[in-house]
Amino acid sequence: MPVFLLTDIEGSTRLWETFPAQMGRALARHDAILRREIEGHGGRVVKHTGDGVLAVFEGGRPLRCALEVQKALAGENWGEIREIR
């Protein structure tokens, strides 16, 4: 049975309004982290939603992926933005 993982950046509208110049680069880094972790844990990105993704896992390790995404995002230096969750 497939397992779906949906992500969304918390407060992305506020972040875009406050840090318009920085958010483009931050979003690209965010997306690269998600793609790396999803594919590394046996999943695949089905749809990009602007500030998140829909991924599917046919087996794989979706829960471990979600934890690793959170750790990777928390460990990233986001500069003026401070954090992306």
C-alpha atoms as a PDB file:
ATOM      1  CA  MET A   1       0.000   0.000   0.000  1.00  0.00           C
ATOM      2  CA  PRO A   2       1.462   3.401  -0.928  1.00  0.00           C
ATOM      3  CA  VAL A   3       2.203   5.960   1.758  1.00  0.00           C
ATOM      4  CA  PHE A   4       1.966   9.660   0.935  1.00  0.00           C
ATOM      5  CA  LEU A   5       4.072  12.439   2.412  1.00  0.00           C
ATOM      6  CA  LEU A   6       2.887  16.040   2.067  1.00  0.00           C
ATOM      7  CA  THR A   7       5.051  18.978   3.067  1.00  0.00           C
ATOM      8  CA  ASP A   8       4.462  22.707   3.348  1.00  0.00           C
ATOM      9  CA  ILE A   9       6.713  25.514   4.600  1.00  0.00           C
ATOM     10  CA  GLU A  10       5.236  26.970   7.769  1.00  0.00           C
ATOM     11  CA  GLY A  11       4.478  30.669   7.319  1.00  0.00           C
ATOM     12  CA  SER A  12       5.778  30.850   3.753  1.00  0.00           C
ATOM     13  CA  THR A  13       3.590  33.817   2.795  1.00  0.00           C
ATOM     14  CA  ARG A  14       4.990  35.848   5.694  1.00  0.00           C
ATOM     15  CA  LEU A  15       8.534  34.749   4.798  1.00  0.00           C
ATOM     16  CA  TRP A  16       8.067  35.819   1.154  1.00  0.00           C
ATOM     17  CA  GLU A  17       6.699  39.200   2.282  1.00  0.00           C
ATOM     18  CA  THR A  18       9.509  39.759   4.799  1.00  0.00           C
ATOM     19  CA  PHE A  19      12.452  38.294   2.846  1.00  0.00           C
ATOM     20  CA  PRO A  20      11.550  38.467  -0.861  1.00  0.00           C
ATOM     21  CA  ALA A  21      15.164  38.524  -2.083  1.00  0.00           C
ATOM     22  CA  GLN A  22      16.309  35.614   0.091  1.00  0.00           C
ATOM     23  CA  MET A  23      13.326  33.283  -0.276  1.00  0.00           C
ATOM     24  CA  GLY A  24      14.096  32.237  -3.860  1.00  0.00           C
ATOM     25  CA  ARG A  25      17.466  30.813  -2.827  1.00  0.00           C
ATOM     26  CA  ALA A  26      16.042  29.385   0.394  1.00  0.00           C
ATOM     27  CA  LEU A  27      13.236  27.647  -1.489  1.00  0.00           C
ATOM     28  CA  ALA A  28      15.721  26.088  -3.922  1.00  0.00           C
ATOM     29  CA  ARG A  29      17.779  24.747  -0.980  1.00  0.00           C
ATOM     30  CA  HIS A  30      14.599  23.519   0.745  1.00  0.00           C
ATOM     31  CA  ASP A  31      13.512  21.691  -2.410  1.00  0.00           C
ATOM     32  CA  ALA A  32      16.947  20.096  -2.863  1.00  0.00           C
ATOM     33  CA  ILE A  33      16.885  18.832   0.738  1.00  0.00           C
ATOM     34  CA  LEU A  34      13.411  17.362   0.289  1.00  0.00           C
ATOM     35  CA  ARG A  35      14.251  15.692  -3.012  1.00  0.00           C
ATOM     36  CA  ARG A  36      17.495  14.232  -1.615  1.00  0.00           C
ATOM     37  CA  GLU A  37      15.792  12.802   1.467  1.00  0.00           C
ATOM     38  CA  ILE A  38      12.687  11.546  -0.342  1.00  0.00           C
ATOM     39  CA  GLU A  39      14.665   9.760  -3.044  1.00  0.00           C
ATOM     40  CA  GLY A  40      17.231   8.531  -0.507  1.00  0.00           C
ATOM     41  CA  HIS A  41      14.472   6.896   1.522  1.00  0.00           C
ATOM     42  CA  GLY A  42      12.808   5.092  -1.368  1.00  0.00           C
ATOM     43  CA  GLY A  43      10.177   7.658  -2.321  1.00  0.00           C
ATOM     44  CA  ARG A  44       9.518   9.864  -5.303  1.00  0.00           C
ATOM     45  CA  VAL A  45       8.198  13.388  -5.681  1.00  0.00           C
ATOM     46  CA  VAL A  46       4.821  13.301  -7.421  1.00  0.00           C
ATOM     47  CA  LYS A  47       4.007  17.007  -7.375  1.00  0.00           C
ATOM     48  CA  HIS A  48       5.715  20.242  -6.392  1.00  0.00           C
ATOM     49  CA  THR A  49       3.257  22.631  -4.740  1.00  0.00           C
ATOM     50  CA  GLY A  50       5.300  25.840  -4.675  1.00  0.00           C
ATOM     51  CA  ASP A  51       6.398  25.714  -1.052  1.00  0.00           C
ATOM     52  CA  GLY A  52       6.017  21.965  -0.548  1.00  0.00           C
ATOM     53  CA  VAL A  53       5.777  18.597  -2.209  1.00  0.00           C
ATOM     54  CA  LEU A  54       3.576  15.554  -2.494  1.00  0.00           C
ATOM     55  CA  ALA A  55       5.671  12.392  -2.392  1.00  0.00           C
ATOM     56  CA  VAL A  56       4.749   8.720  -2.541  1.00  0.00           C
ATOM     57  CA  PHE A  57       6.502   5.739  -1.014  1.00  0.00           C
ATOM     58  CA  GLU A  58       5.832   2.192  -2.216  1.00  0.00           C
ATOM     59  CA  GLY A  59       7.632   0.612   0.692  1.00  0.00           C
ATOM     60  CA  GLY A  60      10.708   2.648   1.472  1.00  0.00           C
ATOM     61  CA  ARG A  61      10.944   4.541   4.736  1.00  0.00           C
ATOM     62  CA  PRO A  62       8.538   7.503   4.779  1.00  0.00           C
ATOM     63  CA  LEU A  63       8.657   8.087   8.545  1.00  0.00           C
ATOM     64  CA  ARG A  64      12.451   8.045   8.622  1.00  0.00           C
ATOM     65  CA  CYS A  65      12.395  10.406   5.634  1.00  0.00           C
ATOM     66  CA  ALA A  66      10.138  12.888   7.445  1.00  0.00           C
ATOM     67  CA  LEU A  67      12.439  12.861  10.480  1.00  0.00           C
ATOM     68  CA  GLU A  68      15.560  13.333   8.363  1.00  0.00           C
ATOM     69  CA  VAL A  69      13.950  16.211   6.450  1.00  0.00           C
ATOM     70  CA  GLN A  70      13.176  17.961   9.748  1.00  0.00           C
ATOM     71  CA  LYS A  71      16.729  17.427  11.008  1.00  0.00           C
ATOM     72  CA  ALA A  72      18.250  18.636   7.724  1.00  0.00           C
ATOM     73  CA  LEU A  73      16.082  21.768   7.660  1.00  0.00           C
ATOM     74  CA  ALA A  74      16.887  22.512  11.317  1.00  0.00           C
ATOM     75  CA  GLY A  75      20.618  22.095  10.660  1.00  0.00           C
ATOM     76  CA  GLU A  76      20.686  24.422   7.652  1.00  0.00           C
ATOM     77  CA  ASN A  77      21.930  28.020   7.958  1.00  0.00           C
ATOM     78  CA  TRP A  78      19.066  30.092   6.548  1.00  0.00           C
ATOM     79  CA  GLY A  79      20.760  33.456   7.106  1.00  0.00           C
ATOM     80  CA  GLU A  80      18.372  36.348   7.755  1.00  0.00           C
ATOM     81  CA  ILE A  81      15.362  34.068   7.376  1.00  0.00           C
ATOM     82  CA  ARG A  82      16.606  32.190  10.463  1.00  0.00           C
ATOM     83  CA  GLU A  83      14.577  29.000   9.993  1.00  0.00           C
ATOM     84  CA  ILE A  84      12.441  27.117   7.533  1.00  0.00           C
ATOM     85  CA  ARG A  85      10.103  24.436   8.855  1.00  0.00           C
END
